[in-house]
């Protein structure tokens, strides 16, 4: 029986201090200036596209596509500049001024997206900049703790600050929320996992943040695996019929089926479902479903789930808790940028 891949927490990388070069003018995701495509459809290694090779490798090692991250970074900066310049910074800061800035946690949590923030800065910075890494994605951090120190031109750091923080705070908020669920489930076999309720364009990053928080990923897209839900059942004329049609059309794809009753559990189990989604079952009903299945399929609980009830569901023996709120409702983790030193700040 195949199941969607579970991704481990990213491995910390012991690279405390690096020099990152300014991106080449031709670099940048998959737009008109993309460096990842050659003539006649020939494609280069994504690690050769745009970002500093060392940074691109760190992103790839974490399970992220460097080209996608670069695209997101470009979109964030282009949205903020809107084909213009940072008028406040250009007016108040000389072009030669240099600054040292610390990305600092304002509250306790779990950090995620540090390399993504670096990617944003690499798009903005017009010269080499130095990065000192104090923590790694997935680490718990305390209020006042330095996460990342950047030395670069003051104008560039000010221009890239908000775009970098928007992504870093968002991803760290997801990681922090996920860690709260993972902590509650510790000592059980149950894992918390996400859904496809993600921000358009940021799915890979948000699901990465879930992994940083100790959760696991459900399918990344509609093509990864099948999930037969209530509307599919209605359209197909029944849960067994829906399952059979997917199995006949895509025999090698893992199929998860959403059920509302114990009777449906028997039905889809007999049909050969790989995974069964128990929708809005109580802990008692979930325990009954676990007994009925007896390990013949993977079980996932969804609906009526809170941190207060998570342990009760886990103790039934269910395999996963599906929590869409991880990506659609997590508050940000408050992180700020503090200038430690500047040289030649005025115009």
C-alpha atoms as a PDB file:
ATOM      1  CA  UNK A   1       0.000   0.000   0.000  1.00  0.00           C
ATOM      2  CA  UNK A   2       1.438   3.371  -0.998  1.00  0.00           C
ATOM      3  CA  UNK A   3       0.931   6.539   0.978  1.00  0.00           C
ATOM      4  CA  UNK A   4       1.890  10.172   0.326  1.00  0.00           C
ATOM      5  CA  UNK A   5       5.507  10.776   1.245  1.00  0.00           C
ATOM      6  CA  UNK A   6       6.265  12.054   4.712  1.00  0.00           C
ATOM      7  CA  UNK A   7       9.063  14.599   4.837  1.00  0.00           C
ATOM      8  CA  UNK A   8      11.395  14.808   7.840  1.00  0.00           C
ATOM      9  CA  UNK A   9      12.424  17.988   9.567  1.00  0.00           C
ATOM     10  CA  UNK A  10      15.044  19.765   7.475  1.00  0.00           C
ATOM     11  CA  UNK A  11      18.594  18.920   8.517  1.00  0.00           C
ATOM     12  CA  UNK A  12      20.368  21.898  10.107  1.00  0.00           C
ATOM     13  CA  UNK A  13      23.314  23.155   8.101  1.00  0.00           C
ATOM     14  CA  UNK A  14      26.434  24.245   9.965  1.00  0.00           C
ATOM     15  CA  UNK A  15      27.386  27.247   7.846  1.00  0.00           C
ATOM     16  CA  UNK A  16      27.518  30.207  10.228  1.00  0.00           C
ATOM     17  CA  UNK A  17      28.995  32.848   7.928  1.00  0.00           C
ATOM     18  CA  UNK A  18      28.752  33.154   4.155  1.00  0.00           C
ATOM     19  CA  UNK A  19      29.236  35.685   1.411  1.00  0.00           C
ATOM     20  CA  UNK A  20      26.419  35.945  -1.082  1.00  0.00           C
ATOM     21  CA  UNK A  21      26.930  37.628  -4.408  1.00  0.00           C
ATOM     22  CA  UNK A  22      24.431  39.922  -6.062  1.00  0.00           C
ATOM     23  CA  UNK A  23      22.320  38.050  -8.635  1.00  0.00           C
ATOM     24  CA  UNK A  24      23.183  38.373 -12.286  1.00  0.00           C
ATOM     25  CA  UNK A  25      20.835  40.627 -14.278  1.00  0.00           C
ATOM     26  CA  UNK A  26      19.640  37.669 -16.324  1.00  0.00           C
ATOM     27  CA  UNK A  27      18.652  35.643 -13.286  1.00  0.00           C
ATOM     28  CA  UNK A  28      15.191  35.260 -11.910  1.00  0.00           C
ATOM     29  CA  UNK A  29      12.806  32.371 -11.794  1.00  0.00           C
ATOM     30  CA  UNK A  30      10.769  31.484 -14.843  1.00  0.00           C
ATOM     31  CA  UNK A  31       9.926  34.902 -16.223  1.00  0.00           C
ATOM     32  CA  UNK A  32      11.326  36.532 -19.333  1.00  0.00           C
ATOM     33  CA  UNK A  33      14.766  36.844 -17.747  1.00  0.00           C
ATOM     34  CA  UNK A  34      14.871  33.292 -16.466  1.00  0.00           C
ATOM     35  CA  UNK A  35      18.251  31.610 -16.558  1.00  0.00           C
ATOM     36  CA  UNK A  36      16.910  28.068 -16.190  1.00  0.00           C
ATOM     37  CA  UNK A  37      15.873  27.444 -19.782  1.00  0.00           C
ATOM     38  CA  UNK A  38      18.127  27.105 -22.777  1.00  0.00           C
ATOM     39  CA  UNK A  39      17.539  27.004 -26.489  1.00  0.00           C
ATOM     40  CA  UNK A  40      15.370  24.333 -28.052  1.00  0.00           C
ATOM     41  CA  UNK A  41      13.759  23.467 -24.741  1.00  0.00           C
ATOM     42  CA  UNK A  42      17.016  22.414 -23.062  1.00  0.00           C
ATOM     43  CA  UNK A  43      16.739  22.925 -19.328  1.00  0.00           C
ATOM     44  CA  UNK A  44      19.632  23.623 -16.993  1.00  0.00           C
ATOM     45  CA  UNK A  45      20.023  22.375 -13.449  1.00  0.00           C
ATOM     46  CA  UNK A  46      17.704  24.474 -11.233  1.00  0.00           C
ATOM     47  CA  UNK A  47      20.635  25.020  -8.871  1.00  0.00           C
ATOM     48  CA  UNK A  48      22.310  27.028 -11.636  1.00  0.00           C
ATOM     49  CA  UNK A  49      19.372  29.406 -11.923  1.00  0.00           C
ATOM     50  CA  UNK A  50      19.596  32.861 -10.400  1.00  0.00           C
ATOM     51  CA  UNK A  51      20.367  32.391  -6.728  1.00  0.00           C
ATOM     52  CA  UNK A  52      23.810  32.017  -5.232  1.00  0.00           C
ATOM     53  CA  UNK A  53      24.780  28.327  -5.711  1.00  0.00           C
ATOM     54  CA  UNK A  54      25.403  27.740  -2.004  1.00  0.00           C
ATOM     55  CA  UNK A  55      22.038  29.213  -1.074  1.00  0.00           C
ATOM     56  CA  UNK A  56      20.306  27.280  -3.843  1.00  0.00           C
ATOM     57  CA  UNK A  57      21.851  24.057  -2.545  1.00  0.00           C
ATOM     58  CA  UNK A  58      20.660  24.771   1.005  1.00  0.00           C
ATOM     59  CA  UNK A  59      17.125  25.293  -0.287  1.00  0.00           C
ATOM     60  CA  UNK A  60      17.270  22.076  -2.306  1.00  0.00           C
ATOM     61  CA  UNK A  61      18.615  20.164   0.698  1.00  0.00           C
ATOM     62  CA  UNK A  62      15.577  21.368   2.653  1.00  0.00           C
ATOM     63  CA  UNK A  63      13.229  19.979   0.001  1.00  0.00           C
ATOM     64  CA  UNK A  64      12.475  23.292  -1.684  1.00  0.00           C
ATOM     65  CA  UNK A  65      12.818  24.140  -5.369  1.00  0.00           C
ATOM     66  CA  UNK A  66      15.311  27.034  -5.594  1.00  0.00           C
ATOM     67  CA  UNK A  67      13.655  28.311  -8.763  1.00  0.00           C
ATOM     68  CA  UNK A  68      10.252  28.471  -7.077  1.00  0.00           C
ATOM     69  CA  UNK A  69      11.747  30.275  -4.087  1.00  0.00           C
ATOM     70  CA  UNK A  70      13.435  32.728  -6.421  1.00  0.00           C
ATOM     71  CA  UNK A  71      10.122  33.330  -8.190  1.00  0.00           C
ATOM     72  CA  UNK A  72       8.394  34.077  -4.870  1.00  0.00           C
ATOM     73  CA  UNK A  73      11.219  36.438  -3.894  1.00  0.00           C
ATOM     74  CA  UNK A  74      10.909  38.310  -7.185  1.00  0.00           C
ATOM     75  CA  UNK A  75       7.141  38.614  -6.855  1.00  0.00           C
ATOM     76  CA  UNK A  76       7.445  39.947  -3.303  1.00  0.00           C
ATOM     77  CA  UNK A  77       9.997  42.600  -4.225  1.00  0.00           C
ATOM     78  CA  UNK A  78       8.298  43.595  -7.465  1.00  0.00           C
ATOM     79  CA  UNK A  79       4.992  43.967  -5.630  1.00  0.00           C
ATOM     80  CA  UNK A  80       6.599  46.228  -3.033  1.00  0.00           C
ATOM     81  CA  UNK A  81       8.436  48.444  -5.525  1.00  0.00           C
ATOM     82  CA  UNK A  82       5.642  48.491  -8.124  1.00  0.00           C
ATOM     83  CA  UNK A  83       8.061  49.414 -10.943  1.00  0.00           C
ATOM     84  CA  UNK A  84       9.433  52.303  -8.912  1.00  0.00           C
ATOM     85  CA  UNK A  85      12.002  52.836  -6.181  1.00  0.00           C
ATOM     86  CA  UNK A  86      11.925  52.943  -2.389  1.00  0.00           C
ATOM     87  CA  UNK A  87      11.408  56.705  -2.268  1.00  0.00           C
ATOM     88  CA  UNK A  88      11.891  57.080   1.492  1.00  0.00           C
ATOM     89  CA  UNK A  89      15.139  55.154   1.548  1.00  0.00           C
ATOM     90  CA  UNK A  90      16.578  56.764  -1.584  1.00  0.00           C
ATOM     91  CA  UNK A  91      15.833  60.208  -0.156  1.00  0.00           C
ATOM     92  CA  UNK A  92      17.287  59.605   3.307  1.00  0.00           C
ATOM     93  CA  UNK A  93      20.176  57.142   2.886  1.00  0.00           C
ATOM     94  CA  UNK A  94      23.316  57.579   0.812  1.00  0.00           C
ATOM     95  CA  UNK A  95      24.106  55.016  -1.838  1.00  0.00           C
ATOM     96  CA  UNK A  96      27.430  54.134  -0.169  1.00  0.00           C
ATOM     97  CA  UNK A  97      26.043  53.613   3.345  1.00  0.00           C
ATOM     98  CA  UNK A  98      26.496  50.184   4.916  1.00  0.00           C
ATOM     99  CA  UNK A  99      24.511  48.584   7.730  1.00  0.00           C
ATOM    100  CA  UNK A 100      24.502  45.558  10.013  1.00  0.00           C
ATOM    101  CA  UNK A 101      21.011  44.301  10.802  1.00  0.00           C
ATOM    102  CA  UNK A 102      19.762  41.517  13.038  1.00  0.00           C
ATOM    103  CA  UNK A 103      16.585  39.599  12.252  1.00  0.00           C
ATOM    104  CA  UNK A 104      15.350  39.103  15.818  1.00  0.00           C
ATOM    105  CA  UNK A 105      12.487  37.140  17.351  1.00  0.00           C
ATOM    106  CA  UNK A 106      10.032  39.334  19.238  1.00  0.00           C
ATOM    107  CA  UNK A 107       8.271  36.329  20.787  1.00  0.00           C
ATOM    108  CA  UNK A 108       8.878  32.642  21.459  1.00  0.00           C
ATOM    109  CA  UNK A 109       8.206  30.197  18.656  1.00  0.00           C
ATOM    110  CA  UNK A 110       9.672  27.969  15.959  1.00  0.00           C
ATOM    111  CA  UNK A 111      11.479  29.581  13.075  1.00  0.00           C
ATOM    112  CA  UNK A 112      11.040  28.664   9.411  1.00  0.00           C
ATOM    113  CA  UNK A 113      11.995  30.415   6.188  1.00  0.00           C
ATOM    114  CA  UNK A 114      15.411  31.851   7.014  1.00  0.00           C
ATOM    115  CA  UNK A 115      16.870  30.765   3.673  1.00  0.00           C
ATOM    116  CA  UNK A 116      13.771  32.156   1.950  1.00  0.00           C
ATOM    117  CA  UNK A 117      14.438  35.521   3.583  1.00  0.00           C
ATOM    118  CA  UNK A 118      18.022  35.311   2.333  1.00  0.00           C
ATOM    119  CA  UNK A 119      16.715  34.670  -1.168  1.00  0.00           C
ATOM    120  CA  UNK A 120      14.639  37.855  -0.985  1.00  0.00           C
ATOM    121  CA  UNK A 121      17.660  39.849   0.096  1.00  0.00           C
ATOM    122  CA  UNK A 122      19.754  38.335  -2.692  1.00  0.00           C
ATOM    123  CA  UNK A 123      17.258  39.743  -5.195  1.00  0.00           C
ATOM    124  CA  UNK A 124      17.503  43.240  -3.710  1.00  0.00           C
ATOM    125  CA  UNK A 125      21.168  43.523  -2.814  1.00  0.00           C
ATOM    126  CA  UNK A 126      23.251  45.251  -5.464  1.00  0.00           C
ATOM    127  CA  UNK A 127      26.566  44.013  -4.055  1.00  0.00           C
ATOM    128  CA  UNK A 128      27.869  41.114  -2.019  1.00  0.00           C
ATOM    129  CA  UNK A 129      26.377  40.815   1.423  1.00  0.00           C
ATOM    130  CA  UNK A 130      27.438  38.862   4.458  1.00  0.00           C
ATOM    131  CA  UNK A 131      25.090  36.581   6.374  1.00  0.00           C
ATOM    132  CA  UNK A 132      25.696  35.189   9.848  1.00  0.00           C
ATOM    133  CA  UNK A 133      23.280  32.400  10.777  1.00  0.00           C
ATOM    134  CA  UNK A 134      22.513  32.041  14.471  1.00  0.00           C
ATOM    135  CA  UNK A 135      19.740  29.417  14.273  1.00  0.00           C
ATOM    136  CA  UNK A 136      18.294  27.019  11.728  1.00  0.00           C
ATOM    137  CA  UNK A 137      14.787  26.392  10.463  1.00  0.00           C
ATOM    138  CA  UNK A 138      12.923  24.178  12.905  1.00  0.00           C
ATOM    139  CA  UNK A 139      14.690  25.587  15.972  1.00  0.00           C
ATOM    140  CA  UNK A 140      12.732  26.931  18.916  1.00  0.00           C
ATOM    141  CA  UNK A 141      13.588  30.567  19.574  1.00  0.00           C
ATOM    142  CA  UNK A 142      13.074  32.926  22.498  1.00  0.00           C
ATOM    143  CA  UNK A 143      12.075  36.598  22.564  1.00  0.00           C
ATOM    144  CA  UNK A 144      15.071  38.768  21.754  1.00  0.00           C
ATOM    145  CA  UNK A 145      17.021  35.949  20.138  1.00  0.00           C
ATOM    146  CA  UNK A 146      18.987  36.820  17.017  1.00  0.00           C
ATOM    147  CA  UNK A 147      18.126  34.626  14.048  1.00  0.00           C
ATOM    148  CA  UNK A 148      20.118  36.070  11.194  1.00  0.00           C
ATOM    149  CA  UNK A 149      22.622  38.927  10.915  1.00  0.00           C
ATOM    150  CA  UNK A 150      23.067  40.640   7.566  1.00  0.00           C
ATOM    151  CA  UNK A 151      25.773  43.111   6.553  1.00  0.00           C
ATOM    152  CA  UNK A 152      25.096  44.940   3.312  1.00  0.00           C
ATOM    153  CA  UNK A 153      24.260  48.318   1.819  1.00  0.00           C
ATOM    154  CA  UNK A 154      21.767  50.167   3.995  1.00  0.00           C
ATOM    155  CA  UNK A 155      19.489  51.021   1.086  1.00  0.00           C
ATOM    156  CA  UNK A 156      19.220  47.406   0.006  1.00  0.00           C
ATOM    157  CA  UNK A 157      18.517  46.124   3.501  1.00  0.00           C
ATOM    158  CA  UNK A 158      15.779  48.697   4.060  1.00  0.00           C
ATOM    159  CA  UNK A 159      14.191  47.980   0.689  1.00  0.00           C
ATOM    160  CA  UNK A 160      14.157  44.208   1.208  1.00  0.00           C
ATOM    161  CA  UNK A 161      13.242  44.267   4.900  1.00  0.00           C
ATOM    162  CA  UNK A 162       9.464  44.009   4.668  1.00  0.00           C
ATOM    163  CA  UNK A 163       9.321  41.419   1.894  1.00  0.00           C
ATOM    164  CA  UNK A 164      11.798  39.205   3.733  1.00  0.00           C
ATOM    165  CA  UNK A 165       9.946  39.614   7.025  1.00  0.00           C
ATOM    166  CA  UNK A 166       6.531  38.974   5.482  1.00  0.00           C
ATOM    167  CA  UNK A 167       7.641  35.527   4.371  1.00  0.00           C
ATOM    168  CA  UNK A 168       9.772  34.760   7.427  1.00  0.00           C
ATOM    169  CA  UNK A 169       7.027  35.735   9.887  1.00  0.00           C
ATOM    170  CA  UNK A 170       4.363  33.837   7.950  1.00  0.00           C
ATOM    171  CA  UNK A 171       6.346  30.616   7.673  1.00  0.00           C
ATOM    172  CA  UNK A 172       7.551  30.804  11.264  1.00  0.00           C
ATOM    173  CA  UNK A 173       3.964  31.254  12.431  1.00  0.00           C
ATOM    174  CA  UNK A 174       2.961  28.055  10.645  1.00  0.00           C
ATOM    175  CA  UNK A 175       5.939  26.192  12.106  1.00  0.00           C
ATOM    176  CA  UNK A 176       5.098  27.460  15.588  1.00  0.00           C
ATOM    177  CA  UNK A 177       1.461  26.380  15.353  1.00  0.00           C
ATOM    178  CA  UNK A 178       2.462  22.980  14.004  1.00  0.00           C
ATOM    179  CA  UNK A 179       4.937  22.467  16.841  1.00  0.00           C
ATOM    180  CA  UNK A 180       2.141  22.998  19.368  1.00  0.00           C
ATOM    181  CA  UNK A 181       0.214  20.105  17.803  1.00  0.00           C
ATOM    182  CA  UNK A 182       3.315  17.923  17.535  1.00  0.00           C
ATOM    183  CA  UNK A 183       4.080  18.512  21.206  1.00  0.00           C
ATOM    184  CA  UNK A 184       0.573  17.444  22.230  1.00  0.00           C
ATOM    185  CA  UNK A 185       0.897  14.260  20.151  1.00  0.00           C
ATOM    186  CA  UNK A 186       4.353  13.361  21.440  1.00  0.00           C
ATOM    187  CA  UNK A 187       4.540   9.777  22.687  1.00  0.00           C
ATOM    188  CA  UNK A 188       1.783   8.543  20.368  1.00  0.00           C
ATOM    189  CA  UNK A 189       2.060   7.207  16.834  1.00  0.00           C
ATOM    190  CA  UNK A 190      -0.259   9.939  15.538  1.00  0.00           C
ATOM    191  CA  UNK A 191       1.159  12.702  13.351  1.00  0.00           C
ATOM    192  CA  UNK A 192      -0.371  16.059  12.553  1.00  0.00           C
ATOM    193  CA  UNK A 193      -0.485  16.870   8.858  1.00  0.00           C
ATOM    194  CA  UNK A 194      -1.584  19.662   6.638  1.00  0.00           C
ATOM    195  CA  UNK A 195      -4.119  19.988   3.836  1.00  0.00           C
ATOM    196  CA  UNK A 196      -4.301  21.867   0.527  1.00  0.00           C
ATOM    197  CA  UNK A 197      -5.779  24.901   2.306  1.00  0.00           C
ATOM    198  CA  UNK A 198      -2.720  26.966   1.509  1.00  0.00           C
ATOM    199  CA  UNK A 199      -2.012  30.451   0.190  1.00  0.00           C
ATOM    200  CA  UNK A 200      -1.955  30.385  -3.637  1.00  0.00           C
ATOM    201  CA  UNK A 201       1.630  30.433  -4.820  1.00  0.00           C
ATOM    202  CA  UNK A 202       3.056  29.629  -1.387  1.00  0.00           C
ATOM    203  CA  UNK A 203       2.032  25.989  -0.979  1.00  0.00           C
ATOM    204  CA  UNK A 204       5.531  24.509  -1.133  1.00  0.00           C
ATOM    205  CA  UNK A 205       6.825  27.058   1.376  1.00  0.00           C
ATOM    206  CA  UNK A 206       3.900  26.667   3.766  1.00  0.00           C
ATOM    207  CA  UNK A 207       4.116  22.894   3.679  1.00  0.00           C
ATOM    208  CA  UNK A 208       7.847  23.205   4.302  1.00  0.00           C
ATOM    209  CA  UNK A 209       7.018  25.267   7.390  1.00  0.00           C
ATOM    210  CA  UNK A 210       4.749  22.446   8.584  1.00  0.00           C
ATOM    211  CA  UNK A 211       7.691  20.066   8.335  1.00  0.00           C
ATOM    212  CA  UNK A 212       9.858  22.516  10.260  1.00  0.00           C
ATOM    213  CA  UNK A 213       7.257  22.433  13.039  1.00  0.00           C
ATOM    214  CA  UNK A 214       7.288  18.649  13.322  1.00  0.00           C
ATOM    215  CA  UNK A 215       4.271  17.892  11.141  1.00  0.00           C
ATOM    216  CA  UNK A 216       4.082  15.890   7.933  1.00  0.00           C
ATOM    217  CA  UNK A 217       2.646  16.737   4.555  1.00  0.00           C
ATOM    218  CA  UNK A 218      -0.471  15.427   2.888  1.00  0.00           C
ATOM    219  CA  UNK A 219      -0.507  15.535  -0.912  1.00  0.00           C
ATOM    220  CA  UNK A 220       1.111  18.540  -2.538  1.00  0.00           C
ATOM    221  CA  UNK A 221      -1.315  18.626  -5.461  1.00  0.00           C
ATOM    222  CA  UNK A 222      -4.411  17.059  -6.946  1.00  0.00           C
ATOM    223  CA  UNK A 223      -2.236  14.738  -9.036  1.00  0.00           C
ATOM    224  CA  UNK A 224      -0.182  13.266  -6.181  1.00  0.00           C
ATOM    225  CA  UNK A 225      -2.916  11.089  -4.714  1.00  0.00           C
ATOM    226  CA  UNK A 226      -6.679  10.714  -4.808  1.00  0.00           C
ATOM    227  CA  UNK A 227      -8.952  11.999  -2.057  1.00  0.00           C
ATOM    228  CA  UNK A 228     -12.583  11.031  -2.601  1.00  0.00           C
ATOM    229  CA  UNK A 229     -14.718  13.534  -0.691  1.00  0.00           C
ATOM    230  CA  UNK A 230     -18.450  13.931  -0.198  1.00  0.00           C
ATOM    231  CA  UNK A 231     -19.048  15.812  -3.454  1.00  0.00           C
ATOM    232  CA  UNK A 232     -17.194  13.144  -5.414  1.00  0.00           C
ATOM    233  CA  UNK A 233     -19.378  10.519  -3.753  1.00  0.00           C
ATOM    234  CA  UNK A 234     -22.541  12.399  -4.700  1.00  0.00           C
ATOM    235  CA  UNK A 235     -21.344  12.877  -8.277  1.00  0.00           C
ATOM    236  CA  UNK A 236     -20.373   9.211  -8.635  1.00  0.00           C
ATOM    237  CA  UNK A 237     -23.515   7.811  -7.008  1.00  0.00           C
ATOM    238  CA  UNK A 238     -21.930   6.312  -3.907  1.00  0.00           C
ATOM    239  CA  UNK A 239     -18.691   5.944  -2.012  1.00  0.00           C
ATOM    240  CA  UNK A 240     -17.845   2.492  -3.394  1.00  0.00           C
ATOM    241  CA  UNK A 241     -18.613   3.613  -6.944  1.00  0.00           C
ATOM    242  CA  UNK A 242     -16.384   6.658  -6.563  1.00  0.00           C
ATOM    243  CA  UNK A 243     -13.550   4.546  -5.220  1.00  0.00           C
ATOM    244  CA  UNK A 244     -13.834   2.022  -8.048  1.00  0.00           C
ATOM    245  CA  UNK A 245     -13.792   4.678 -10.733  1.00  0.00           C
ATOM    246  CA  UNK A 246     -10.588   6.213  -9.362  1.00  0.00           C
ATOM    247  CA  UNK A 247      -8.943   2.816  -8.986  1.00  0.00           C
ATOM    248  CA  UNK A 248      -9.890   1.821 -12.540  1.00  0.00           C
ATOM    249  CA  UNK A 249      -8.648   5.109 -14.018  1.00  0.00           C
ATOM    250  CA  UNK A 250      -5.490   5.459 -11.905  1.00  0.00           C
ATOM    251  CA  UNK A 251      -4.514   1.994 -10.636  1.00  0.00           C
ATOM    252  CA  UNK A 252      -1.141   3.070  -9.224  1.00  0.00           C
ATOM    253  CA  UNK A 253      -2.338   6.089  -7.239  1.00  0.00           C
ATOM    254  CA  UNK A 254      -2.952   5.922  -3.488  1.00  0.00           C
ATOM    255  CA  UNK A 255      -6.640   6.540  -2.752  1.00  0.00           C
ATOM    256  CA  UNK A 256      -7.985   8.138   0.396  1.00  0.00           C
ATOM    257  CA  UNK A 257     -11.747   8.103   0.925  1.00  0.00           C
ATOM    258  CA  UNK A 258     -13.684  10.410   3.204  1.00  0.00           C
ATOM    259  CA  UNK A 259     -16.401   8.701   5.236  1.00  0.00           C
ATOM    260  CA  UNK A 260     -19.063   9.993   7.596  1.00  0.00           C
ATOM    261  CA  UNK A 261     -20.250   6.769   9.225  1.00  0.00           C
ATOM    262  CA  UNK A 262     -18.935   3.431  10.462  1.00  0.00           C
ATOM    263  CA  UNK A 263     -20.991   1.690   7.777  1.00  0.00           C
ATOM    264  CA  UNK A 264     -19.003   3.557   5.136  1.00  0.00           C
ATOM    265  CA  UNK A 265     -15.774   2.467   6.832  1.00  0.00           C
ATOM    266  CA  UNK A 266     -16.774  -1.179   6.234  1.00  0.00           C
ATOM    267  CA  UNK A 267     -17.729  -0.349   2.644  1.00  0.00           C
ATOM    268  CA  UNK A 268     -14.536   1.404   1.567  1.00  0.00           C
ATOM    269  CA  UNK A 269     -12.364  -1.041   3.481  1.00  0.00           C
ATOM    270  CA  UNK A 270     -13.908  -3.898   1.519  1.00  0.00           C
ATOM    271  CA  UNK A 271     -13.334  -1.948  -1.704  1.00  0.00           C
ATOM    272  CA  UNK A 272      -9.608  -1.672  -0.917  1.00  0.00           C
ATOM    273  CA  UNK A 273      -9.067   1.949   0.143  1.00  0.00           C
ATOM    274  CA  UNK A 274      -5.463   2.806   1.034  1.00  0.00           C
ATOM    275  CA  UNK A 275      -6.425   5.560   3.446  1.00  0.00           C
ATOM    276  CA  UNK A 276      -9.704   6.393   5.155  1.00  0.00           C
ATOM    277  CA  UNK A 277     -10.561   9.915   6.273  1.00  0.00           C
ATOM    278  CA  UNK A 278     -12.883   9.913   9.283  1.00  0.00           C
ATOM    279  CA  UNK A 279     -14.833  13.134   8.921  1.00  0.00           C
ATOM    280  CA  UNK A 280     -16.257  14.631  12.127  1.00  0.00           C
ATOM    281  CA  UNK A 281     -16.022  11.393  14.101  1.00  0.00           C
ATOM    282  CA  UNK A 282     -15.960  11.670  17.885  1.00  0.00           C
ATOM    283  CA  UNK A 283     -13.043  10.058  19.749  1.00  0.00           C
ATOM    284  CA  UNK A 284     -15.324   7.138  20.665  1.00  0.00           C
ATOM    285  CA  UNK A 285     -16.391   6.646  17.049  1.00  0.00           C
ATOM    286  CA  UNK A 286     -12.767   6.947  15.960  1.00  0.00           C
ATOM    287  CA  UNK A 287     -11.756   4.219  18.393  1.00  0.00           C
ATOM    288  CA  UNK A 288     -14.465   1.972  16.914  1.00  0.00           C
ATOM    289  CA  UNK A 289     -13.215   2.706  13.401  1.00  0.00           C
ATOM    290  CA  UNK A 290      -9.642   1.841  14.406  1.00  0.00           C
ATOM    291  CA  UNK A 291     -10.892  -1.518  15.723  1.00  0.00           C
ATOM    292  CA  UNK A 292     -12.863  -2.203  12.536  1.00  0.00           C
ATOM    293  CA  UNK A 293      -9.937  -1.405  10.249  1.00  0.00           C
ATOM    294  CA  UNK A 294      -7.435  -3.379  12.291  1.00  0.00           C
ATOM    295  CA  UNK A 295      -4.423  -1.965  10.493  1.00  0.00           C
ATOM    296  CA  UNK A 296      -5.665  -2.802   7.004  1.00  0.00           C
ATOM    297  CA  UNK A 297      -5.728   0.859   5.990  1.00  0.00           C
ATOM    298  CA  UNK A 298      -4.265   4.139   7.200  1.00  0.00           C
ATOM    299  CA  UNK A 299      -6.717   6.254   9.199  1.00  0.00           C
ATOM    300  CA  UNK A 300      -6.914  10.029   9.338  1.00  0.00           C
ATOM    301  CA  UNK A 301      -9.185  12.147  11.518  1.00  0.00           C
ATOM    302  CA  UNK A 302     -10.562  15.444  10.280  1.00  0.00           C
ATOM    303  CA  UNK A 303     -13.034  17.956  11.709  1.00  0.00           C
ATOM    304  CA  UNK A 304     -13.814  18.760  15.358  1.00  0.00           C
ATOM    305  CA  UNK A 305     -10.089  18.785  16.073  1.00  0.00           C
ATOM    306  CA  UNK A 306      -8.567  21.195  18.560  1.00  0.00           C
ATOM    307  CA  UNK A 307      -5.406  21.195  20.607  1.00  0.00           C
ATOM    308  CA  UNK A 308      -7.555  20.327  23.619  1.00  0.00           C
ATOM    309  CA  UNK A 309      -8.972  17.211  21.947  1.00  0.00           C
ATOM    310  CA  UNK A 310      -5.927  16.178  19.896  1.00  0.00           C
ATOM    311  CA  UNK A 311      -4.549  13.826  22.531  1.00  0.00           C
ATOM    312  CA  UNK A 312      -7.872  12.031  22.917  1.00  0.00           C
ATOM    313  CA  UNK A 313      -7.973  11.362  19.176  1.00  0.00           C
ATOM    314  CA  UNK A 314      -4.343  10.244  19.126  1.00  0.00           C
ATOM    315  CA  UNK A 315      -4.938   7.747  21.905  1.00  0.00           C
ATOM    316  CA  UNK A 316      -7.511   5.950  19.734  1.00  0.00           C
ATOM    317  CA  UNK A 317      -4.654   4.772  17.503  1.00  0.00           C
ATOM    318  CA  UNK A 318      -5.513   6.884  14.451  1.00  0.00           C
ATOM    319  CA  UNK A 319      -2.523   7.565  12.190  1.00  0.00           C
ATOM    320  CA  UNK A 320      -3.025  11.219  11.274  1.00  0.00           C
ATOM    321  CA  UNK A 321      -4.851  14.342  12.364  1.00  0.00           C
ATOM    322  CA  UNK A 322      -5.648  16.563   9.380  1.00  0.00           C
ATOM    323  CA  UNK A 323      -5.474  20.216  10.448  1.00  0.00           C
ATOM    324  CA  UNK A 324      -6.159  22.745   7.717  1.00  0.00           C
ATOM    325  CA  UNK A 325      -5.749  25.574  10.227  1.00  0.00           C
ATOM    326  CA  UNK A 326      -1.997  25.033  10.217  1.00  0.00           C
ATOM    327  CA  UNK A 327      -1.745  26.831   6.909  1.00  0.00           C
ATOM    328  CA  UNK A 328      -4.971  28.811   6.618  1.00  0.00           C
ATOM    329  CA  UNK A 329      -5.280  30.323  10.101  1.00  0.00           C
ATOM    330  CA  UNK A 330      -1.925  30.363  11.884  1.00  0.00           C
ATOM    331  CA  UNK A 331      -0.920  33.808  13.184  1.00  0.00           C
ATOM    332  CA  UNK A 332       2.496  35.094  12.244  1.00  0.00           C
ATOM    333  CA  UNK A 333       5.484  34.807  14.533  1.00  0.00           C
ATOM    334  CA  UNK A 334       6.569  38.355  15.340  1.00  0.00           C
ATOM    335  CA  UNK A 335      10.078  38.892  13.998  1.00  0.00           C
ATOM    336  CA  UNK A 336      11.753  42.237  13.401  1.00  0.00           C
ATOM    337  CA  UNK A 337      14.891  43.702  11.871  1.00  0.00           C
ATOM    338  CA  UNK A 338      17.088  45.728  14.219  1.00  0.00           C
ATOM    339  CA  UNK A 339      19.924  47.851  12.867  1.00  0.00           C
ATOM    340  CA  UNK A 340      23.011  47.355  15.002  1.00  0.00           C
ATOM    341  CA  UNK A 341      25.416  49.609  13.151  1.00  0.00           C
ATOM    342  CA  UNK A 342      25.452  51.912  10.138  1.00  0.00           C
ATOM    343  CA  UNK A 343      28.194  53.755   8.298  1.00  0.00           C
ATOM    344  CA  UNK A 344      27.527  56.834   6.215  1.00  0.00           C
ATOM    345  CA  UNK A 345      23.754  56.662   6.700  1.00  0.00           C
ATOM    346  CA  UNK A 346      22.779  60.152   5.608  1.00  0.00           C
ATOM    347  CA  UNK A 347      22.550  61.389   2.046  1.00  0.00           C
END
